[in-house]
Amino acid sequence: MSQEPLTIRVTHRFRASPERVFDAWLAPESAGKWLFATPTGRMVRVEVDPRVGGRFAFVDRRGGEEVEHLGEYLALERPHCLVFRFAVPKFSPERTRVCLEIVPGDGGCMLTLTHEGVLSAYASRTAEGWTTILDGLEAALSDGNPSSAR
């Protein structure tokens, strides 16, 4: 199986403002409910230091194992751009780059997530994972979660 790095792109239209969508990525009290959370797991640790050079850690316990999702913020340009270095050490030693671009429109906004450096063996799973995460964010924002609305 080829291990050539690929770029994965996923888009999602939100009914929420760009500010609410952007802020939701940085709010630890709510992000742990949808960001890297799995239906069969339990989020056991959420740490977010929302500044350029700051780091994040989300740890999901699934099937008796803990899976860390780690990152470092490279750019924070509220409400339009969020860029971070990303790693899931349990599955790969690679550190990849994720860029979120948020554009206002039609009573909400459009988010385009670009994940660079994904090994081709993980491409489909990565695209599905981000789609699920963005759907989870939509549900959290639709529930009127005050933690994600600043």
N, C-alpha and C. Protein backbone atom coordinates (compact mmCIF):
# COMPACT_ATOMS: atom_id res chain seq x y z
N MET A 1 0.85 -1.18 0.00
CA MET A 1 0.00 0.00 0.00
C MET A 1 0.89 1.24 0.00
N SER A 2 0.57 2.21 -0.83
CA SER A 2 1.36 3.43 -0.94
C SER A 2 1.24 4.29 0.31
N GLN A 3 2.34 4.92 0.70
CA GLN A 3 2.34 5.82 1.84
C GLN A 3 2.64 7.26 1.42
N GLU A 4 2.28 7.61 0.20
CA GLU A 4 2.50 8.95 -0.30
C GLU A 4 1.61 9.94 0.45
N PRO A 5 2.17 11.06 0.94
CA PRO A 5 1.35 12.06 1.64
C PRO A 5 0.38 12.74 0.68
N LEU A 6 -0.84 12.94 1.16
CA LEU A 6 -1.90 13.57 0.38
C LEU A 6 -2.46 14.76 1.13
N THR A 7 -3.23 15.56 0.42
CA THR A 7 -3.99 16.66 1.03
C THR A 7 -5.46 16.29 0.97
N ILE A 8 -6.11 16.35 2.13
CA ILE A 8 -7.54 16.04 2.24
C ILE A 8 -8.27 17.36 2.45
N ARG A 9 -9.38 17.55 1.75
CA ARG A 9 -10.16 18.77 1.89
C ARG A 9 -11.62 18.39 2.16
N VAL A 10 -12.19 19.00 3.20
CA VAL A 10 -13.58 18.76 3.57
C VAL A 10 -14.24 20.12 3.79
N THR A 11 -15.46 20.29 3.30
CA THR A 11 -16.18 21.54 3.52
C THR A 11 -17.49 21.26 4.26
N HIS A 12 -17.95 22.29 4.97
CA HIS A 12 -19.21 22.17 5.70
C HIS A 12 -19.83 23.56 5.80
N ARG A 13 -21.11 23.65 5.52
CA ARG A 13 -21.85 24.91 5.67
C ARG A 13 -22.52 24.90 7.05
N PHE A 14 -22.30 25.97 7.80
CA PHE A 14 -22.88 26.12 9.14
C PHE A 14 -23.93 27.21 9.12
N ARG A 15 -24.94 27.05 9.94
CA ARG A 15 -25.97 28.08 10.12
C ARG A 15 -25.51 29.12 11.16
N ALA A 16 -24.37 28.90 11.78
CA ALA A 16 -23.83 29.79 12.80
C ALA A 16 -22.86 30.79 12.17
N SER A 17 -22.61 31.87 12.89
CA SER A 17 -21.70 32.91 12.41
C SER A 17 -20.26 32.40 12.38
N PRO A 18 -19.42 33.03 11.57
CA PRO A 18 -18.00 32.65 11.55
C PRO A 18 -17.36 32.73 12.94
N GLU A 19 -17.75 33.73 13.72
CA GLU A 19 -17.18 33.88 15.07
C GLU A 19 -17.53 32.69 15.96
N ARG A 20 -18.78 32.27 15.93
CA ARG A 20 -19.18 31.12 16.76
C ARG A 20 -18.46 29.84 16.33
N VAL A 21 -18.34 29.63 15.02
CA VAL A 21 -17.67 28.43 14.51
C VAL A 21 -16.19 28.47 14.90
N PHE A 22 -15.54 29.60 14.68
CA PHE A 22 -14.11 29.73 15.03
C PHE A 22 -13.90 29.50 16.52
N ASP A 23 -14.67 30.20 17.35
CA ASP A 23 -14.49 30.11 18.80
C ASP A 23 -14.72 28.71 19.35
N ALA A 24 -15.61 27.96 18.71
CA ALA A 24 -15.91 26.60 19.19
C ALA A 24 -14.68 25.70 19.16
N TRP A 25 -13.75 25.95 18.24
CA TRP A 25 -12.53 25.14 18.14
C TRP A 25 -11.59 25.38 19.32
N LEU A 26 -11.77 26.50 20.02
CA LEU A 26 -10.83 26.90 21.06
C LEU A 26 -11.41 26.86 22.47
N ALA A 27 -12.68 26.48 22.60
CA ALA A 27 -13.37 26.44 23.89
C ALA A 27 -13.29 25.04 24.49
N PRO A 28 -12.37 24.81 25.44
CA PRO A 28 -12.18 23.44 25.96
C PRO A 28 -13.43 22.85 26.60
N GLU A 29 -14.26 23.68 27.23
CA GLU A 29 -15.45 23.16 27.91
C GLU A 29 -16.47 22.56 26.95
N SER A 30 -16.45 23.00 25.69
CA SER A 30 -17.39 22.42 24.73
C SER A 30 -16.69 21.57 23.67
N ALA A 31 -15.47 21.92 23.30
CA ALA A 31 -14.78 21.21 22.22
C ALA A 31 -14.60 19.73 22.52
N GLY A 32 -14.42 19.37 23.77
CA GLY A 32 -14.25 17.97 24.14
C GLY A 32 -15.48 17.12 23.87
N LYS A 33 -16.61 17.76 23.64
CA LYS A 33 -17.84 17.02 23.35
C LYS A 33 -17.96 16.65 21.88
N TRP A 34 -17.20 17.32 20.99
CA TRP A 34 -17.33 17.03 19.56
C TRP A 34 -16.00 16.89 18.84
N LEU A 35 -14.94 17.54 19.32
CA LEU A 35 -13.66 17.51 18.62
C LEU A 35 -12.87 16.29 19.05
N PHE A 36 -12.68 15.35 18.17
CA PHE A 36 -11.97 14.08 18.38
C PHE A 36 -12.71 13.13 19.32
N ALA A 37 -13.93 13.44 19.69
CA ALA A 37 -14.74 12.54 20.52
C ALA A 37 -15.32 11.44 19.62
N THR A 38 -15.39 10.24 20.16
CA THR A 38 -15.96 9.11 19.41
C THR A 38 -17.21 8.60 20.11
N PRO A 39 -18.13 8.00 19.36
CA PRO A 39 -19.37 7.51 19.97
C PRO A 39 -19.13 6.44 21.04
N THR A 40 -18.07 5.66 20.89
CA THR A 40 -17.83 4.57 21.85
C THR A 40 -16.78 4.93 22.89
N GLY A 41 -16.21 6.13 22.78
CA GLY A 41 -15.17 6.54 23.71
C GLY A 41 -15.68 7.52 24.75
N ARG A 42 -14.76 7.90 25.63
CA ARG A 42 -15.07 8.90 26.65
C ARG A 42 -13.89 9.86 26.72
N MET A 43 -14.16 11.14 26.56
CA MET A 43 -13.10 12.13 26.60
C MET A 43 -12.63 12.27 28.05
N VAL A 44 -11.35 11.99 28.27
CA VAL A 44 -10.82 12.00 29.64
C VAL A 44 -9.89 13.19 29.91
N ARG A 45 -9.45 13.86 28.86
CA ARG A 45 -8.61 15.04 29.08
C ARG A 45 -8.74 15.98 27.90
N VAL A 46 -8.93 17.27 28.21
CA VAL A 46 -8.98 18.31 27.21
C VAL A 46 -8.15 19.48 27.72
N GLU A 47 -7.12 19.81 26.98
CA GLU A 47 -6.27 20.96 27.31
C GLU A 47 -6.13 21.81 26.06
N VAL A 48 -6.39 23.10 26.20
CA VAL A 48 -6.31 24.02 25.07
C VAL A 48 -5.62 25.30 25.53
N ASP A 49 -4.55 25.66 24.86
CA ASP A 49 -3.84 26.92 25.09
C ASP A 49 -3.96 27.72 23.79
N PRO A 50 -5.07 28.48 23.63
CA PRO A 50 -5.42 29.09 22.34
C PRO A 50 -4.62 30.36 22.00
N ARG A 51 -3.38 30.17 21.63
CA ARG A 51 -2.51 31.26 21.18
C ARG A 51 -1.52 30.66 20.19
N VAL A 52 -0.97 31.50 19.32
CA VAL A 52 0.04 31.01 18.39
C VAL A 52 1.20 30.46 19.22
N GLY A 53 1.60 29.23 18.94
CA GLY A 53 2.62 28.54 19.72
C GLY A 53 2.05 27.74 20.86
N GLY A 54 0.77 27.97 21.19
CA GLY A 54 0.10 27.19 22.24
C GLY A 54 -0.23 25.79 21.73
N ARG A 55 -0.47 24.91 22.64
CA ARG A 55 -0.73 23.52 22.29
C ARG A 55 -2.12 23.08 22.75
N PHE A 56 -2.58 21.98 22.15
CA PHE A 56 -3.81 21.35 22.61
C PHE A 56 -3.57 19.86 22.75
N ALA A 57 -4.39 19.24 23.62
CA ALA A 57 -4.38 17.78 23.80
C ALA A 57 -5.82 17.35 24.10
N PHE A 58 -6.29 16.39 23.33
CA PHE A 58 -7.59 15.76 23.55
C PHE A 58 -7.30 14.28 23.70
N VAL A 59 -7.73 13.68 24.80
CA VAL A 59 -7.48 12.26 25.04
C VAL A 59 -8.83 11.56 25.19
N ASP A 60 -9.07 10.63 24.26
CA ASP A 60 -10.32 9.86 24.21
C ASP A 60 -10.01 8.42 24.63
N ARG A 61 -10.71 7.93 25.65
CA ARG A 61 -10.53 6.54 26.08
C ARG A 61 -11.54 5.69 25.34
N ARG A 62 -11.02 4.75 24.53
CA ARG A 62 -11.88 3.85 23.75
C ARG A 62 -11.35 2.43 23.85
N GLY A 63 -12.25 1.53 24.15
CA GLY A 63 -11.86 0.12 24.24
C GLY A 63 -10.73 -0.13 25.22
N GLY A 64 -10.70 0.61 26.31
CA GLY A 64 -9.66 0.41 27.32
C GLY A 64 -8.34 1.07 27.00
N GLU A 65 -8.25 1.76 25.85
CA GLU A 65 -7.01 2.45 25.47
C GLU A 65 -7.26 3.95 25.37
N GLU A 66 -6.22 4.71 25.63
CA GLU A 66 -6.32 6.15 25.48
C GLU A 66 -5.66 6.57 24.17
N VAL A 67 -6.38 7.39 23.40
CA VAL A 67 -5.88 7.89 22.13
C VAL A 67 -5.71 9.40 22.26
N GLU A 68 -4.46 9.86 22.11
CA GLU A 68 -4.15 11.28 22.19
C GLU A 68 -4.24 11.92 20.82
N HIS A 69 -4.83 13.11 20.79
CA HIS A 69 -4.86 13.97 19.61
C HIS A 69 -4.15 15.24 20.05
N LEU A 70 -2.97 15.48 19.49
CA LEU A 70 -2.10 16.56 19.95
C LEU A 70 -1.89 17.58 18.86
N GLY A 71 -1.70 18.83 19.25
CA GLY A 71 -1.44 19.85 18.24
C GLY A 71 -0.79 21.09 18.80
N GLU A 72 -0.35 21.92 17.87
CA GLU A 72 0.23 23.22 18.20
C GLU A 72 -0.35 24.23 17.23
N TYR A 73 -0.85 25.34 17.77
CA TYR A 73 -1.46 26.37 16.94
C TYR A 73 -0.38 27.16 16.20
N LEU A 74 -0.54 27.26 14.89
CA LEU A 74 0.40 27.98 14.04
C LEU A 74 -0.15 29.35 13.63
N ALA A 75 -1.46 29.48 13.50
CA ALA A 75 -2.10 30.75 13.15
C ALA A 75 -3.50 30.79 13.74
N LEU A 76 -3.85 31.93 14.31
CA LEU A 76 -5.19 32.18 14.85
C LEU A 76 -5.61 33.57 14.38
N GLU A 77 -6.45 33.62 13.35
CA GLU A 77 -6.91 34.88 12.80
C GLU A 77 -8.43 34.88 12.86
N ARG A 78 -8.95 35.23 14.03
CA ARG A 78 -10.39 35.20 14.28
C ARG A 78 -11.10 36.17 13.36
N PRO A 79 -12.17 35.79 12.74
CA PRO A 79 -12.83 34.49 12.73
C PRO A 79 -12.61 33.70 11.45
N HIS A 80 -11.56 34.01 10.71
CA HIS A 80 -11.45 33.44 9.37
C HIS A 80 -10.44 32.32 9.18
N CYS A 81 -9.43 32.22 10.03
CA CYS A 81 -8.36 31.25 9.76
C CYS A 81 -7.80 30.68 11.05
N LEU A 82 -7.70 29.37 11.09
CA LEU A 82 -7.09 28.65 12.21
C LEU A 82 -6.20 27.57 11.59
N VAL A 83 -4.93 27.55 11.98
CA VAL A 83 -3.99 26.57 11.44
C VAL A 83 -3.28 25.91 12.61
N PHE A 84 -3.16 24.58 12.53
CA PHE A 84 -2.43 23.88 13.59
C PHE A 84 -1.67 22.68 13.05
N ARG A 85 -0.58 22.38 13.74
CA ARG A 85 0.16 21.14 13.49
C ARG A 85 -0.58 20.08 14.29
N PHE A 86 -0.65 18.86 13.76
CA PHE A 86 -1.51 17.82 14.34
C PHE A 86 -0.85 16.46 14.33
N ALA A 87 -1.08 15.70 15.40
CA ALA A 87 -0.53 14.34 15.48
C ALA A 87 -1.45 13.45 16.31
N VAL A 88 -1.49 12.18 15.94
CA VAL A 88 -2.15 11.14 16.72
C VAL A 88 -1.09 10.05 16.89
N PRO A 89 -0.23 10.18 17.92
CA PRO A 89 0.93 9.30 18.06
C PRO A 89 0.62 7.81 18.07
N LYS A 90 -0.55 7.42 18.54
CA LYS A 90 -0.91 6.00 18.58
C LYS A 90 -0.94 5.39 17.17
N PHE A 91 -1.30 6.19 16.18
CA PHE A 91 -1.46 5.68 14.82
C PHE A 91 -0.31 6.04 13.87
N SER A 92 0.41 7.13 14.19
CA SER A 92 1.49 7.55 13.29
C SER A 92 2.40 8.55 14.00
N PRO A 93 3.70 8.46 13.75
CA PRO A 93 4.61 9.45 14.33
C PRO A 93 4.60 10.77 13.55
N GLU A 94 3.90 10.79 12.41
CA GLU A 94 3.87 11.98 11.55
C GLU A 94 3.13 13.13 12.22
N ARG A 95 3.63 14.33 11.96
CA ARG A 95 2.94 15.55 12.35
C ARG A 95 2.49 16.21 11.06
N THR A 96 1.20 16.46 10.96
CA THR A 96 0.62 17.01 9.75
C THR A 96 0.15 18.44 10.01
N ARG A 97 -0.40 19.07 8.99
CA ARG A 97 -0.86 20.46 9.10
C ARG A 97 -2.33 20.52 8.73
N VAL A 98 -3.11 21.21 9.57
CA VAL A 98 -4.54 21.38 9.33
C VAL A 98 -4.83 22.87 9.27
N CYS A 99 -5.56 23.28 8.25
CA CYS A 99 -5.93 24.68 8.06
C CYS A 99 -7.45 24.78 7.94
N LEU A 100 -8.06 25.65 8.74
CA LEU A 100 -9.49 25.93 8.65
C LEU A 100 -9.66 27.32 8.06
N GLU A 101 -10.44 27.40 7.01
CA GLU A 101 -10.79 28.69 6.42
C GLU A 101 -12.29 28.85 6.56
N ILE A 102 -12.72 29.98 7.14
CA ILE A 102 -14.13 30.21 7.42
C ILE A 102 -14.55 31.48 6.69
N VAL A 103 -15.57 31.35 5.84
CA VAL A 103 -16.04 32.46 5.02
C VAL A 103 -17.52 32.69 5.32
N PRO A 104 -17.93 33.95 5.63
CA PRO A 104 -19.34 34.22 5.90
C PRO A 104 -20.19 34.08 4.63
N GLY A 105 -21.48 33.78 4.85
CA GLY A 105 -22.40 33.72 3.72
C GLY A 105 -23.69 33.01 4.05
N ASP A 106 -24.76 33.41 3.39
CA ASP A 106 -26.07 32.75 3.48
C ASP A 106 -26.53 32.50 4.90
N GLY A 107 -26.48 33.51 5.76
CA GLY A 107 -26.98 33.37 7.12
C GLY A 107 -26.13 32.49 8.00
N GLY A 108 -24.91 32.27 7.63
CA GLY A 108 -24.00 31.44 8.42
C GLY A 108 -22.61 31.57 7.86
N CYS A 109 -21.98 30.44 7.62
CA CYS A 109 -20.64 30.45 7.05
C CYS A 109 -20.31 29.11 6.42
N MET A 110 -19.25 29.14 5.63
CA MET A 110 -18.72 27.92 5.01
C MET A 110 -17.33 27.70 5.59
N LEU A 111 -17.07 26.50 6.10
CA LEU A 111 -15.76 26.13 6.62
C LEU A 111 -15.12 25.15 5.65
N THR A 112 -13.91 25.43 5.25
CA THR A 112 -13.12 24.50 4.45
C THR A 112 -11.94 24.06 5.30
N LEU A 113 -11.84 22.77 5.54
CA LEU A 113 -10.75 22.19 6.30
C LEU A 113 -9.81 21.50 5.33
N THR A 114 -8.54 21.88 5.38
CA THR A 114 -7.52 21.28 4.53
C THR A 114 -6.49 20.62 5.43
N HIS A 115 -6.32 19.32 5.27
CA HIS A 115 -5.38 18.53 6.08
C HIS A 115 -4.26 18.06 5.16
N GLU A 116 -3.07 18.62 5.35
CA GLU A 116 -1.92 18.31 4.50
C GLU A 116 -1.04 17.25 5.15
N GLY A 117 -0.47 16.39 4.32
CA GLY A 117 0.49 15.40 4.80
C GLY A 117 -0.11 14.10 5.29
N VAL A 118 -1.35 13.83 4.94
CA VAL A 118 -2.02 12.60 5.35
C VAL A 118 -1.47 11.44 4.52
N LEU A 119 -1.03 10.40 5.20
CA LEU A 119 -0.55 9.23 4.46
C LEU A 119 -1.71 8.62 3.69
N SER A 120 -1.44 8.22 2.46
CA SER A 120 -2.51 7.74 1.59
C SER A 120 -3.29 6.58 2.19
N ALA A 121 -2.65 5.77 3.02
CA ALA A 121 -3.34 4.65 3.66
C ALA A 121 -4.45 5.13 4.60
N TYR A 122 -4.35 6.38 5.08
CA TYR A 122 -5.33 6.93 6.02
C TYR A 122 -6.26 7.95 5.37
N ALA A 123 -6.18 8.17 4.07
CA ALA A 123 -6.91 9.25 3.41
C ALA A 123 -8.42 9.15 3.59
N SER A 124 -8.99 8.00 3.29
CA SER A 124 -10.44 7.84 3.39
C SER A 124 -10.90 7.98 4.84
N ARG A 125 -10.20 7.34 5.73
CA ARG A 125 -10.54 7.39 7.16
C ARG A 125 -10.42 8.82 7.70
N THR A 126 -9.42 9.56 7.23
CA THR A 126 -9.23 10.93 7.66
C THR A 126 -10.38 11.82 7.18
N ALA A 127 -10.75 11.71 5.93
CA ALA A 127 -11.87 12.50 5.39
C ALA A 127 -13.17 12.18 6.13
N GLU A 128 -13.42 10.91 6.38
CA GLU A 128 -14.62 10.52 7.13
C GLU A 128 -14.59 11.06 8.55
N GLY A 129 -13.42 11.01 9.17
CA GLY A 129 -13.28 11.51 10.53
C GLY A 129 -13.57 12.99 10.63
N TRP A 130 -13.00 13.79 9.72
CA TRP A 130 -13.24 15.23 9.74
C TRP A 130 -14.71 15.54 9.44
N THR A 131 -15.32 14.79 8.52
CA THR A 131 -16.74 15.00 8.23
C THR A 131 -17.58 14.76 9.47
N THR A 132 -17.28 13.71 10.21
CA THR A 132 -17.99 13.40 11.45
C THR A 132 -17.78 14.50 12.49
N ILE A 133 -16.55 14.98 12.60
CA ILE A 133 -16.24 16.06 13.55
C ILE A 133 -17.02 17.32 13.20
N LEU A 134 -17.05 17.70 11.93
CA LEU A 134 -17.78 18.90 11.54
C LEU A 134 -19.28 18.75 11.74
N ASP A 135 -19.80 17.55 11.52
CA ASP A 135 -21.21 17.28 11.82
C ASP A 135 -21.46 17.43 13.33
N GLY A 136 -20.52 16.97 14.14
CA GLY A 136 -20.64 17.11 15.60
C GLY A 136 -20.60 18.56 16.03
N LEU A 137 -19.78 19.35 15.38
CA LEU A 137 -19.73 20.79 15.67
C LEU A 137 -21.05 21.44 15.29
N GLU A 138 -21.60 21.08 14.15
CA GLU A 138 -22.91 21.62 13.73
C GLU A 138 -23.97 21.31 14.79
N ALA A 139 -23.98 20.08 15.27
CA ALA A 139 -24.97 19.69 16.29
C ALA A 139 -24.76 20.48 17.58
N ALA A 140 -23.51 20.67 17.99
CA ALA A 140 -23.22 21.42 19.21
C ALA A 140 -23.67 22.88 19.08
N LEU A 141 -23.43 23.48 17.92
CA LEU A 141 -23.84 24.86 17.71
C LEU A 141 -25.36 24.97 17.59
N SER A 142 -26.01 23.99 17.00
CA SER A 142 -27.47 23.99 16.85
C SER A 142 -28.17 23.83 18.18
N ASP A 143 -27.51 23.15 19.12
CA ASP A 143 -28.08 22.97 20.46
C ASP A 143 -28.03 24.26 21.27
N GLY A 144 -27.41 25.29 20.70
CA GLY A 144 -27.32 26.56 21.40
C GLY A 144 -26.31 26.51 22.53
N ASN A 145 -25.32 25.68 22.40
CA ASN A 145 -24.30 25.54 23.44
C ASN A 145 -23.65 26.89 23.71
N PRO A 146 -23.89 27.46 24.90
CA PRO A 146 -23.36 28.79 25.19
C PRO A 146 -21.84 28.82 25.27
N SER A 147 -21.21 27.70 25.53
CA SER A 147 -19.75 27.66 25.64
C SER A 147 -19.10 27.95 24.30
N SER A 148 -19.79 27.68 23.21
CA SER A 148 -19.19 27.90 21.91
C SER A 148 -19.62 29.22 21.28
N ALA A 149 -20.44 29.95 21.98
CA ALA A 149 -20.88 31.24 21.45
C ALA A 149 -20.27 32.35 22.30
N ARG A 150 -19.29 33.05 21.75
CA ARG A 150 -18.64 34.12 22.51
C ARG A 150 -19.02 35.46 21.94
